[in-house]
PDB file of N, CA and C in Angstrom:
ATOM      1  N   MET A   1     -29.547  35.638 -18.485  1.00  0.00           N
ATOM      2  CA  MET A   1     -29.357  35.500 -17.025  1.00  0.00           C
ATOM      3  C   MET A   1     -27.725  35.077 -16.874  1.00  0.00           C
ATOM      4  N   ILE A   2     -27.219  35.632 -15.846  1.00  0.00           N
ATOM      5  CA  ILE A   2     -25.873  35.209 -15.543  1.00  0.00           C
ATOM      6  C   ILE A   2     -25.871  34.318 -14.323  1.00  0.00           C
ATOM      7  N   GLU A   3     -25.017  33.396 -14.418  1.00  0.00           N
ATOM      8  CA  GLU A   3     -25.041  32.215 -13.377  1.00  0.00           C
ATOM      9  C   GLU A   3     -23.686  31.839 -12.930  1.00  0.00           C
ATOM     10  N   VAL A   4     -23.490  31.725 -11.699  1.00  0.00           N
ATOM     11  CA  VAL A   4     -22.121  31.274 -11.078  1.00  0.00           C
ATOM     12  C   VAL A   4     -22.445  29.802 -10.822  1.00  0.00           C
ATOM     13  N   GLU A   5     -21.263  29.012 -10.985  1.00  0.00           N
ATOM     14  CA  GLU A   5     -21.334  27.619 -10.623  1.00  0.00           C
ATOM     15  C   GLU A   5     -20.033  27.333  -9.835  1.00  0.00           C
ATOM     16  N   ALA A   6     -20.018  26.524  -8.922  1.00  0.00           N
ATOM     17  CA  ALA A   6     -18.921  26.148  -8.181  1.00  0.00           C
ATOM     18  C   ALA A   6     -18.673  24.537  -8.039  1.00  0.00           C
ATOM     19  N   GLN A   7     -17.567  24.115  -8.140  1.00  0.00           N
ATOM     20  CA  GLN A   7     -17.223  22.578  -7.700  1.00  0.00           C
ATOM     21  C   GLN A   7     -16.304  22.618  -6.591  1.00  0.00           C
ATOM     22  N   ILE A   8     -16.415  21.673  -5.700  1.00  0.00           N
ATOM     23  CA  ILE A   8     -15.552  21.730  -4.679  1.00  0.00           C
ATOM     24  C   ILE A   8     -14.408  20.599  -4.816  1.00  0.00           C
ATOM     25  N   SER A   9     -13.127  20.939  -4.671  1.00  0.00           N
ATOM     26  CA  SER A   9     -12.051  20.098  -4.582  1.00  0.00           C
ATOM     27  C   SER A   9     -11.418  20.239  -3.279  1.00  0.00           C
ATOM     28  N   ILE A  10     -11.057  19.093  -2.548  1.00  0.00           N
ATOM     29  CA  ILE A  10     -10.313  19.164  -1.297  1.00  0.00           C
ATOM     30  C   ILE A  10      -8.899  18.696  -1.587  1.00  0.00           C
ATOM     31  N   LYS A  11      -8.098  19.623  -1.294  1.00  0.00           N
ATOM     32  CA  LYS A  11      -6.583  19.258  -1.567  1.00  0.00           C
ATOM     33  C   LYS A  11      -5.724  19.104  -0.475  1.00  0.00           C
ATOM     34  N   ARG A  12      -4.615  18.250  -0.604  1.00  0.00           N
ATOM     35  CA  ARG A  12      -3.621  18.108   0.429  1.00  0.00           C
ATOM     36  C   ARG A  12      -2.327  18.346  -0.409  1.00  0.00           C
ATOM     37  N   ASP A  13      -1.525  19.206   0.143  1.00  0.00           N
ATOM     38  CA  ASP A  13      -0.265  19.535  -0.534  1.00  0.00           C
ATOM     39  C   ASP A  13      -0.479  19.797  -2.072  1.00  0.00           C
ATOM     40  N   GLY A  14      -1.609  20.410  -2.487  1.00  0.00           N
ATOM     41  CA  GLY A  14      -1.779  20.716  -3.928  1.00  0.00           C
ATOM     42  C   GLY A  14      -2.410  19.701  -4.645  1.00  0.00           C
ATOM     43  N   VAL A  15      -2.666  18.503  -4.108  1.00  0.00           N
ATOM     44  CA  VAL A  15      -3.212  17.419  -4.960  1.00  0.00           C
ATOM     45  C   VAL A  15      -4.621  17.183  -4.372  1.00  0.00           C
ATOM     46  N   ALA A  16      -5.629  17.113  -5.246  1.00  0.00           N
ATOM     47  CA  ALA A  16      -7.055  16.960  -4.841  1.00  0.00           C
ATOM     48  C   ALA A  16      -7.195  15.455  -4.507  1.00  0.00           C
ATOM     49  N   PHE A  17      -7.701  15.235  -3.342  1.00  0.00           N
ATOM     50  CA  PHE A  17      -8.026  13.940  -2.843  1.00  0.00           C
ATOM     51  C   PHE A  17      -9.508  13.718  -2.784  1.00  0.00           C
ATOM     52  N   LEU A  18     -10.335  14.758  -3.008  1.00  0.00           N
ATOM     53  CA  LEU A  18     -11.702  14.660  -3.049  1.00  0.00           C
ATOM     54  C   LEU A  18     -12.271  15.668  -3.940  1.00  0.00           C
ATOM     55  N   ASN A  19     -13.103  15.369  -4.884  1.00  0.00           N
ATOM     56  CA  ASN A  19     -13.699  16.206  -5.867  1.00  0.00           C
ATOM     57  C   ASN A  19     -15.029  15.531  -6.239  1.00  0.00           C
ATOM     58  N   PRO A  20     -15.780  16.102  -7.153  1.00  0.00           N
ATOM     59  CA  PRO A  20     -17.251  15.528  -7.417  1.00  0.00           C
ATOM     60  C   PRO A  20     -17.094  14.212  -8.031  1.00  0.00           C
ATOM     61  N   VAL A  21     -16.130  13.848  -8.775  1.00  0.00           N
ATOM     62  CA  VAL A  21     -16.056  12.643  -9.447  1.00  0.00           C
ATOM     63  C   VAL A  21     -15.598  11.487  -8.405  1.00  0.00           C
ATOM     64  N   LYS A  22     -14.654  11.873  -7.640  1.00  0.00           N
ATOM     65  CA  LYS A  22     -14.145  10.922  -6.619  1.00  0.00           C
ATOM     66  C   LYS A  22     -15.198  10.629  -5.552  1.00  0.00           C
ATOM     67  N   THR A  23     -15.918  11.508  -5.090  1.00  0.00           N
ATOM     68  CA  THR A  23     -17.032  11.319  -4.214  1.00  0.00           C
ATOM     69  C   THR A  23     -18.216  10.533  -4.844  1.00  0.00           C
ATOM     70  N   ALA A  24     -18.397  10.722  -6.076  1.00  0.00           N
ATOM     71  CA  ALA A  24     -19.473   9.881  -6.744  1.00  0.00           C
ATOM     72  C   ALA A  24     -18.952   8.449  -6.711  1.00  0.00           C
ATOM     73  N   LEU A  25     -17.667   8.200  -6.886  1.00  0.00           N
ATOM     74  CA  LEU A  25     -17.087   6.927  -6.877  1.00  0.00           C
ATOM     75  C   LEU A  25     -17.235   6.278  -5.438  1.00  0.00           C
ATOM     76  N   LEU A  26     -17.052   7.193  -4.408  1.00  0.00           N
ATOM     77  CA  LEU A  26     -17.031   6.495  -3.166  1.00  0.00           C
ATOM     78  C   LEU A  26     -18.463   6.209  -2.784  1.00  0.00           C
ATOM     79  N   LYS A  27     -19.472   7.104  -3.168  1.00  0.00           N
ATOM     80  CA  LYS A  27     -20.840   6.851  -2.897  1.00  0.00           C
ATOM     81  C   LYS A  27     -21.324   5.526  -3.626  1.00  0.00           C
ATOM     82  N   GLU A  28     -20.782   5.299  -4.813  1.00  0.00           N
ATOM     83  CA  GLU A  28     -21.136   4.058  -5.522  1.00  0.00           C
ATOM     84  C   GLU A  28     -20.636   2.779  -4.854  1.00  0.00           C
ATOM     85  N   ILE A  29     -19.399   2.942  -4.247  1.00  0.00           N
ATOM     86  CA  ILE A  29     -18.742   1.823  -3.481  1.00  0.00           C
ATOM     87  C   ILE A  29     -19.659   1.588  -2.256  1.00  0.00           C
ATOM     88  N   VAL A  30     -20.107   2.556  -1.627  1.00  0.00           N
ATOM     89  CA  VAL A  30     -21.019   2.371  -0.388  1.00  0.00           C
ATOM     90  C   VAL A  30     -22.192   1.568  -0.874  1.00  0.00           C
ATOM     91  N   GLN A  31     -22.870   1.983  -1.939  1.00  0.00           N
ATOM     92  CA  GLN A  31     -24.097   1.220  -2.463  1.00  0.00           C
ATOM     93  C   GLN A  31     -23.819  -0.155  -2.786  1.00  0.00           C
ATOM     94  N   SER A  32     -22.715  -0.361  -3.437  1.00  0.00           N
ATOM     95  CA  SER A  32     -22.488  -1.781  -4.108  1.00  0.00           C
ATOM     96  C   SER A  32     -21.524  -2.552  -3.441  1.00  0.00           C
ATOM     97  N   GLY A  33     -20.732  -2.082  -2.622  1.00  0.00           N
ATOM     98  CA  GLY A  33     -19.595  -2.865  -1.915  1.00  0.00           C
ATOM     99  C   GLY A  33     -18.510  -3.389  -2.770  1.00  0.00           C
ATOM    100  N   SER A  34     -18.609  -2.681  -4.095  1.00  0.00           N
ATOM    101  CA  SER A  34     -17.710  -3.347  -5.058  1.00  0.00           C
ATOM    102  C   SER A  34     -17.161  -2.150  -5.926  1.00  0.00           C
ATOM    103  N   LEU A  35     -15.930  -2.251  -6.046  1.00  0.00           N
ATOM    104  CA  LEU A  35     -15.235  -1.304  -7.001  1.00  0.00           C
ATOM    105  C   LEU A  35     -15.493  -1.411  -8.453  1.00  0.00           C
ATOM    106  N   SER A  36     -15.600  -2.719  -8.781  1.00  0.00           N
ATOM    107  CA  SER A  36     -15.968  -3.011 -10.185  1.00  0.00           C
ATOM    108  C   SER A  36     -17.474  -2.465 -10.507  1.00  0.00           C
ATOM    109  N   ALA A  37     -18.431  -2.732  -9.685  1.00  0.00           N
ATOM    110  CA  ALA A  37     -19.706  -2.365  -9.855  1.00  0.00           C
ATOM    111  C   ALA A  37     -19.828  -0.824  -9.826  1.00  0.00           C
ATOM    112  N   ALA A  38     -19.163  -0.195  -9.031  1.00  0.00           N
ATOM    113  CA  ALA A  38     -19.106   1.296  -8.939  1.00  0.00           C
ATOM    114  C   ALA A  38     -18.477   1.912 -10.125  1.00  0.00           C
ATOM    115  N   ALA A  39     -17.446   1.337 -10.633  1.00  0.00           N
ATOM    116  CA  ALA A  39     -16.809   1.782 -11.975  1.00  0.00           C
ATOM    117  C   ALA A  39     -17.831   1.628 -13.146  1.00  0.00           C
ATOM    118  N   LYS A  40     -18.514   0.476 -13.183  1.00  0.00           N
ATOM    119  CA  LYS A  40     -19.628   0.272 -14.185  1.00  0.00           C
ATOM    120  C   LYS A  40     -20.562   1.321 -14.160  1.00  0.00           C
ATOM    121  N   LYS A  41     -21.182   1.527 -13.007  1.00  0.00           N
ATOM    122  CA  LYS A  41     -22.244   2.450 -12.734  1.00  0.00           C
ATOM    123  C   LYS A  41     -21.923   3.915 -13.221  1.00  0.00           C
ATOM    124  N   LEU A  42     -20.594   4.285 -13.008  1.00  0.00           N
ATOM    125  CA  LEU A  42     -20.185   5.624 -13.355  1.00  0.00           C
ATOM    126  C   LEU A  42     -19.505   5.656 -14.883  1.00  0.00           C
ATOM    127  N   ASN A  43     -19.596   4.509 -15.429  1.00  0.00           N
ATOM    128  CA  ASN A  43     -18.931   4.421 -16.943  1.00  0.00           C
ATOM    129  C   ASN A  43     -17.516   4.855 -16.953  1.00  0.00           C
ATOM    130  N   VAL A  44     -16.758   4.435 -16.030  1.00  0.00           N
ATOM    131  CA  VAL A  44     -15.293   4.551 -16.068  1.00  0.00           C
ATOM    132  C   VAL A  44     -14.641   3.158 -15.980  1.00  0.00           C
ATOM    133  N   SER A  45     -13.607   2.977 -16.536  1.00  0.00           N
ATOM    134  CA  SER A  45     -12.841   1.683 -16.377  1.00  0.00           C
ATOM    135  C   SER A  45     -12.434   1.305 -15.051  1.00  0.00           C
ATOM    136  N   TYR A  46     -12.308  -0.001 -14.755  1.00  0.00           N
ATOM    137  CA  TYR A  46     -12.043  -0.572 -13.577  1.00  0.00           C
ATOM    138  C   TYR A  46     -10.579   0.018 -13.154  1.00  0.00           C
ATOM    139  N   GLN A  47      -9.792   0.083 -14.137  1.00  0.00           N
ATOM    140  CA  GLN A  47      -8.435   0.493 -13.897  1.00  0.00           C
ATOM    141  C   GLN A  47      -8.439   1.936 -13.490  1.00  0.00           C
ATOM    142  N   HIS A  48      -9.224   2.767 -14.117  1.00  0.00           N
ATOM    143  CA  HIS A  48      -9.300   4.169 -13.699  1.00  0.00           C
ATOM    144  C   HIS A  48      -9.867   4.436 -12.311  1.00  0.00           C
ATOM    145  N   ALA A  49     -10.846   3.520 -11.952  1.00  0.00           N
ATOM    146  CA  ALA A  49     -11.403   3.564 -10.650  1.00  0.00           C
ATOM    147  C   ALA A  49     -10.255   3.219  -9.556  1.00  0.00           C
ATOM    148  N   TRP A  50      -9.548   2.149  -9.857  1.00  0.00           N
ATOM    149  CA  TRP A  50      -8.459   1.755  -8.999  1.00  0.00           C
ATOM    150  C   TRP A  50      -7.386   3.000  -8.889  1.00  0.00           C
ATOM    151  N   THR A  51      -7.157   3.663 -10.023  1.00  0.00           N
ATOM    152  CA  THR A  51      -6.207   4.647  -9.826  1.00  0.00           C
ATOM    153  C   THR A  51      -6.665   5.791  -8.954  1.00  0.00           C
ATOM    154  N   MET A  52      -7.963   6.196  -9.110  1.00  0.00           N
ATOM    155  CA  MET A  52      -8.620   7.091  -8.219  1.00  0.00           C
ATOM    156  C   MET A  52      -8.563   6.756  -6.725  1.00  0.00           C
ATOM    157  N   ILE A  53      -8.818   5.562  -6.488  1.00  0.00           N
ATOM    158  CA  ILE A  53      -8.853   5.045  -5.129  1.00  0.00           C
ATOM    159  C   ILE A  53      -7.420   5.040  -4.551  1.00  0.00           C
ATOM    160  N   ASN A  54      -6.524   4.570  -5.382  1.00  0.00           N
ATOM    161  CA  ASN A  54      -5.149   4.714  -4.892  1.00  0.00           C
ATOM    162  C   ASN A  54      -4.643   6.181  -4.613  1.00  0.00           C
ATOM    163  N   GLU A  55      -5.192   6.991  -5.550  1.00  0.00           N
ATOM    164  CA  GLU A  55      -4.638   8.500  -5.448  1.00  0.00           C
ATOM    165  C   GLU A  55      -5.319   9.140  -4.138  1.00  0.00           C
ATOM    166  N   MET A  56      -6.598   8.730  -3.850  1.00  0.00           N
ATOM    167  CA  MET A  56      -7.268   9.316  -2.555  1.00  0.00           C
ATOM    168  C   MET A  56      -6.543   8.739  -1.430  1.00  0.00           C
ATOM    169  N   ASN A  57      -6.339   7.371  -1.441  1.00  0.00           N
ATOM    170  CA  ASN A  57      -5.636   6.845  -0.145  1.00  0.00           C
ATOM    171  C   ASN A  57      -4.307   7.235   0.084  1.00  0.00           C
ATOM    172  N   ARG A  58      -3.483   7.457  -0.956  1.00  0.00           N
ATOM    173  CA  ARG A  58      -2.115   7.961  -0.888  1.00  0.00           C
ATOM    174  C   ARG A  58      -2.139   9.448  -0.420  1.00  0.00           C
ATOM    175  N   THR A  59      -3.061  10.262  -0.768  1.00  0.00           N
ATOM    176  CA  THR A  59      -3.062  11.787  -0.568  1.00  0.00           C
ATOM    177  C   THR A  59      -3.802  12.105   0.721  1.00  0.00           C
ATOM    178  N   ALA A  60      -4.847  11.330   1.062  1.00  0.00           N
ATOM    179  CA  ALA A  60      -5.469  11.619   2.410  1.00  0.00           C
ATOM    180  C   ALA A  60      -4.652  11.238   3.548  1.00  0.00           C
ATOM    181  N   PRO A  61      -4.932  11.969   4.697  1.00  0.00           N
ATOM    182  CA  PRO A  61      -4.183  11.618   5.898  1.00  0.00           C
ATOM    183  C   PRO A  61      -4.381  10.151   6.451  1.00  0.00           C
ATOM    184  N   GLU A  62      -5.519   9.529   6.053  1.00  0.00           N
ATOM    185  CA  GLU A  62      -5.790   8.199   6.232  1.00  0.00           C
ATOM    186  C   GLU A  62      -6.452   7.551   5.016  1.00  0.00           C
ATOM    187  N   PRO A  63      -6.417   6.224   4.874  1.00  0.00           N
ATOM    188  CA  PRO A  63      -7.092   5.553   3.773  1.00  0.00           C
ATOM    189  C   PRO A  63      -8.624   5.979   3.891  1.00  0.00           C
ATOM    190  N   LEU A  64      -9.142   6.092   2.715  1.00  0.00           N
ATOM    191  CA  LEU A  64     -10.590   6.290   2.485  1.00  0.00           C
ATOM    192  C   LEU A  64     -11.344   4.978   2.187  1.00  0.00           C
ATOM    193  N   VAL A  65     -10.579   4.170   1.419  1.00  0.00           N
ATOM    194  CA  VAL A  65     -11.152   2.845   0.919  1.00  0.00           C
ATOM    195  C   VAL A  65     -10.291   1.682   1.453  1.00  0.00           C
ATOM    196  N   VAL A  66     -10.928   0.626   1.848  1.00  0.00           N
ATOM    197  CA  VAL A  66     -10.231  -0.593   2.248  1.00  0.00           C
ATOM    198  C   VAL A  66     -10.520  -1.602   1.119  1.00  0.00           C
ATOM    199  N   LYS A  67      -9.524  -1.933   0.343  1.00  0.00           N
ATOM    200  CA  LYS A  67      -9.682  -2.914  -0.868  1.00  0.00           C
ATOM    201  C   LYS A  67      -9.306  -4.369  -0.512  1.00  0.00           C
ATOM    202  N   GLN A  68     -10.082  -5.271  -1.197  1.00  0.00           N
ATOM    203  CA  GLN A  68      -9.701  -6.741  -1.035  1.00  0.00           C
ATOM    204  C   GLN A  68      -9.676  -7.242  -2.424  1.00  0.00           C
ATOM    205  N   ARG A  69      -8.582  -7.854  -2.927  1.00  0.00           N
ATOM    206  CA  ARG A  69      -8.497  -8.388  -4.254  1.00  0.00           C
ATOM    207  C   ARG A  69      -9.399  -9.667  -4.128  1.00  0.00           C
ATOM    208  N   GLY A  70      -9.777 -10.046  -5.477  1.00  0.00           N
ATOM    209  CA  GLY A  70     -10.572 -11.234  -5.530  1.00  0.00           C
ATOM    210  C   GLY A  70      -9.977 -12.491  -4.929  1.00  0.00           C
ATOM    211  N   GLY A  71     -10.873 -13.527  -4.598  1.00  0.00           N
ATOM    212  CA  GLY A  71     -10.463 -14.586  -4.108  1.00  0.00           C
ATOM    213  C   GLY A  71     -11.544 -15.568  -4.337  1.00  0.00           C
ATOM    214  N   ALA A  72     -11.673 -16.624  -3.411  1.00  0.00           N
ATOM    215  CA  ALA A  72     -12.808 -17.678  -3.709  1.00  0.00           C
ATOM    216  C   ALA A  72     -14.118 -16.998  -3.567  1.00  0.00           C
ATOM    217  N   ASN A  73     -14.323 -16.013  -2.557  1.00  0.00           N
ATOM    218  CA  ASN A  73     -15.478 -15.282  -2.564  1.00  0.00           C
ATOM    219  C   ASN A  73     -15.504 -13.897  -3.324  1.00  0.00           C
ATOM    220  N   GLY A  74     -14.558 -13.692  -4.084  1.00  0.00           N
ATOM    221  CA  GLY A  74     -14.397 -12.343  -4.732  1.00  0.00           C
ATOM    222  C   GLY A  74     -14.006 -11.375  -3.863  1.00  0.00           C
ATOM    223  N   GLY A  75     -13.626 -10.308  -4.433  1.00  0.00           N
ATOM    224  CA  GLY A  75     -12.939  -9.171  -3.739  1.00  0.00           C
ATOM    225  C   GLY A  75     -14.036  -8.214  -3.360  1.00  0.00           C
ATOM    226  N   GLY A  76     -13.664  -7.098  -2.974  1.00  0.00           N
ATOM    227  CA  GLY A  76     -14.656  -6.074  -2.570  1.00  0.00           C
ATOM    228  C   GLY A  76     -13.951  -4.720  -2.171  1.00  0.00           C
ATOM    229  N   ALA A  77     -14.675  -3.814  -1.896  1.00  0.00           N
ATOM    230  CA  ALA A  77     -14.205  -2.393  -1.352  1.00  0.00           C
ATOM    231  C   ALA A  77     -15.083  -1.913  -0.363  1.00  0.00           C
ATOM    232  N   GLU A  78     -14.639  -1.402   0.568  1.00  0.00           N
ATOM    233  CA  GLU A  78     -15.375  -0.843   1.739  1.00  0.00           C
ATOM    234  C   GLU A  78     -14.810   0.500   2.078  1.00  0.00           C
ATOM    235  N   ILE A  79     -15.666   1.389   2.490  1.00  0.00           N
ATOM    236  CA  ILE A  79     -15.389   2.855   2.837  1.00  0.00           C
ATOM    237  C   ILE A  79     -14.808   2.719   4.358  1.00  0.00           C
ATOM    238  N   SER A  80     -13.724   3.335   4.586  1.00  0.00           N
ATOM    239  CA  SER A  80     -13.234   3.264   5.952  1.00  0.00           C
ATOM    240  C   SER A  80     -13.977   4.296   6.996  1.00  0.00           C
ATOM    241  N   GLU A  81     -13.773   4.090   8.150  1.00  0.00           N
ATOM    242  CA  GLU A  81     -14.495   5.175   9.188  1.00  0.00           C
ATOM    243  C   GLU A  81     -14.161   6.597   8.749  1.00  0.00           C
ATOM    244  N   TYR A  82     -12.731   6.654   8.418  1.00  0.00           N
ATOM    245  CA  TYR A  82     -12.336   7.926   8.106  1.00  0.00           C
ATOM    246  C   TYR A  82     -13.038   8.410   6.760  1.00  0.00           C
ATOM    247  N   GLY A  83     -13.156   7.526   5.795  1.00  0.00           N
ATOM    248  CA  GLY A  83     -13.750   7.811   4.578  1.00  0.00           C
ATOM    249  C   GLY A  83     -15.166   8.266   4.795  1.00  0.00           C
ATOM    250  N   LYS A  84     -15.824   7.492   5.579  1.00  0.00           N
ATOM    251  CA  LYS A  84     -17.312   7.924   5.865  1.00  0.00           C
ATOM    252  C   LYS A  84     -17.393   9.334   6.549  1.00  0.00           C
ATOM    253  N   ARG A  85     -16.457   9.647   7.350  1.00  0.00           N
ATOM    254  CA  ARG A  85     -16.444  10.911   8.070  1.00  0.00           C
ATOM    255  C   ARG A  85     -16.173  12.114   6.915  1.00  0.00           C
ATOM    256  N   ILE A  86     -15.238  11.790   6.133  1.00  0.00           N
ATOM    257  CA  ILE A  86     -14.667  12.816   5.196  1.00  0.00           C
ATOM    258  C   ILE A  86     -15.755  12.987   4.161  1.00  0.00           C
ATOM    259  N   MET A  87     -16.522  11.989   3.798  1.00  0.00           N
ATOM    260  CA  MET A  87     -17.635  12.124   2.746  1.00  0.00           C
ATOM    261  C   MET A  87     -18.828  13.078   3.339  1.00  0.00           C
ATOM    262  N   LYS A  88     -19.119  12.863   4.659  1.00  0.00           N
ATOM    263  CA  LYS A  88     -20.100  13.731   5.293  1.00  0.00           C
ATOM    264  C   LYS A  88     -19.532  15.156   5.315  1.00  0.00           C
ATOM    265  N   GLU A  89     -18.447  15.356   5.651  1.00  0.00           N
ATOM    266  CA  GLU A  89     -17.758  16.701   5.743  1.00  0.00           C
ATOM    267  C   GLU A  89     -17.739  17.366   4.363  1.00  0.00           C
ATOM    268  N   TYR A  90     -17.487  16.587   3.325  1.00  0.00           N
ATOM    269  CA  TYR A  90     -17.496  17.157   1.860  1.00  0.00           C
ATOM    270  C   TYR A  90     -18.938  17.464   1.624  1.00  0.00           C
ATOM    271  N   GLN A  91     -19.893  16.530   1.927  1.00  0.00           N
ATOM    272  CA  GLN A  91     -21.309  16.992   1.657  1.00  0.00           C
ATOM    273  C   GLN A  91     -21.725  18.283   2.303  1.00  0.00           C
ATOM    274  N   LEU A  92     -21.370  18.398   3.612  1.00  0.00           N
ATOM    275  CA  LEU A  92     -21.821  19.677   4.271  1.00  0.00           C
ATOM    276  C   LEU A  92     -21.010  20.910   3.577  1.00  0.00           C
ATOM    277  N   ILE A  93     -19.809  20.735   3.231  1.00  0.00           N
ATOM    278  CA  ILE A  93     -19.174  21.877   2.594  1.00  0.00           C
ATOM    279  C   ILE A  93     -19.826  22.102   1.204  1.00  0.00           C
ATOM    280  N   ASN A  94     -20.134  21.193   0.539  1.00  0.00           N
ATOM    281  CA  ASN A  94     -20.799  21.284  -0.790  1.00  0.00           C
ATOM    282  C   ASN A  94     -22.195  21.974  -0.659  1.00  0.00           C
ATOM    283  N   GLU A  95     -22.961  21.570   0.347  1.00  0.00           N
ATOM    284  CA  GLU A  95     -24.259  22.131   0.620  1.00  0.00           C
ATOM    285  C   GLU A  95     -24.065  23.663   0.991  1.00  0.00           C
ATOM    286  N   THR A  96     -23.153  23.918   1.834  1.00  0.00           N
ATOM    287  CA  THR A  96     -22.884  25.368   2.239  1.00  0.00           C
ATOM    288  C   THR A  96     -22.478  26.284   0.992  1.00  0.00           C
ATOM    289  N   VAL A  97     -21.697  25.743   0.241  1.00  0.00           N
ATOM    290  CA  VAL A  97     -21.123  26.429  -0.903  1.00  0.00           C
ATOM    291  C   VAL A  97     -22.217  26.699  -1.947  1.00  0.00           C
ATOM    292  N   SER A  98     -23.116  25.501  -2.183  1.00  0.00           N
ATOM    293  CA  SER A  98     -24.309  25.717  -3.134  1.00  0.00           C
ATOM    294  C   SER A  98     -25.246  26.741  -2.574  1.00  0.00           C
ATOM    295  N   LYS A  99     -25.492  26.826  -1.356  1.00  0.00           N
ATOM    296  CA  LYS A  99     -26.440  27.871  -0.767  1.00  0.00           C
ATOM    297  C   LYS A  99     -25.860  29.340  -1.102  1.00  0.00           C
ATOM    298  N   MET A 100     -24.584  29.434  -0.761  1.00  0.00           N
ATOM    299  CA  MET A 100     -23.883  30.588  -1.024  1.00  0.00           C
ATOM    300  C   MET A 100     -23.951  31.101  -2.582  1.00  0.00           C
ATOM    301  N   VAL A 101     -23.711  30.087  -3.535  1.00  0.00           N
ATOM    302  CA  VAL A 101     -23.784  30.341  -4.925  1.00  0.00           C
ATOM    303  C   VAL A 101     -25.147  30.653  -5.375  1.00  0.00           C
ATOM    304  N   GLY A 102     -25.988  30.099  -4.663  1.00  0.00           N
ATOM    305  CA  GLY A 102     -27.533  30.283  -4.986  1.00  0.00           C
ATOM    306  C   GLY A 102     -27.761  31.770  -4.712  1.00  0.00           C
ATOM    307  N   GLN A 103     -27.452  32.244  -3.599  1.00  0.00           N
ATOM    308  CA  GLN A 103     -27.635  33.578  -3.047  1.00  0.00           C
ATOM    309  C   GLN A 103     -26.957  34.533  -4.112  1.00  0.00           C
ATOM    310  N   ILE A 104     -25.761  34.258  -4.451  1.00  0.00           N
ATOM    311  CA  ILE A 104     -24.982  35.057  -5.348  1.00  0.00           C
ATOM    312  C   ILE A 104     -25.717  35.333  -6.673  1.00  0.00           C
ATOM    313  N   ASN A 105     -26.309  34.048  -7.249  1.00  0.00           N
ATOM    314  CA  ASN A 105     -27.067  34.038  -8.381  1.00  0.00           C
ATOM    315  C   ASN A 105     -28.286  34.934  -8.367  1.00  0.00           C
ATOM    316  N   VAL A 106     -28.848  34.876  -7.244  1.00  0.00           N
ATOM    317  CA  VAL A 106     -30.086  35.724  -7.051  1.00  0.00           C
ATOM    318  C   VAL A 106     -29.648  37.237  -7.149  1.00  0.00           C
ATOM    319  N   GLU A 107     -28.667  37.599  -6.405  1.00  0.00           N
ATOM    320  CA  GLU A 107     -28.196  38.955  -6.176  1.00  0.00           C
ATOM    321  C   GLU A 107     -27.641  39.519  -7.568  1.00  0.00           C
ATOM    322  N   ILE A 108     -26.954  38.769  -8.299  1.00  0.00           N
ATOM    323  CA  ILE A 108     -26.384  39.217  -9.731  1.00  0.00           C
ATOM    324  C   ILE A 108     -27.447  39.507 -10.673  1.00  0.00           C
ATOM    325  N   ASN A 109     -28.477  38.828 -10.506  1.00  0.00           N
ATOM    326  CA  ASN A 109     -29.550  38.842 -11.501  1.00  0.00           C
ATOM    327  C   ASN A 109     -30.845  39.775 -11.065  1.00  0.00           C
ATOM    328  N   LEU A 110     -30.544  40.582 -10.048  1.00  0.00           N
ATOM    329  CA  LEU A 110     -31.645  41.458  -9.719  1.00  0.00           C
ATOM    330  C   LEU A 110     -31.737  42.735 -10.542  1.00  0.00           C
TER     331      LEU A 110
END
């Protein structure tokens, strides 16, 4: 059986600011409210997670994540309103492409 697969990357000026790994990180931040917890859940280093967040925030038209460094009550991470909107748009694009790829896979295997 022949199978087509597709992964979505959204780029700005040639640099990807959203892809499956980065959106997984954003989803985990939503769940936990913590960059550290999100990094642990995804088995990536805290530093790598910070690097991805900084890259997304620098490349996107607006920041996707608002970060707070640790303090008396600890730090945290929160998805901005823009980040929430772009996550929904990414999900819609991904669902649309997945349906198209599914149809292609049916047709090439007839």
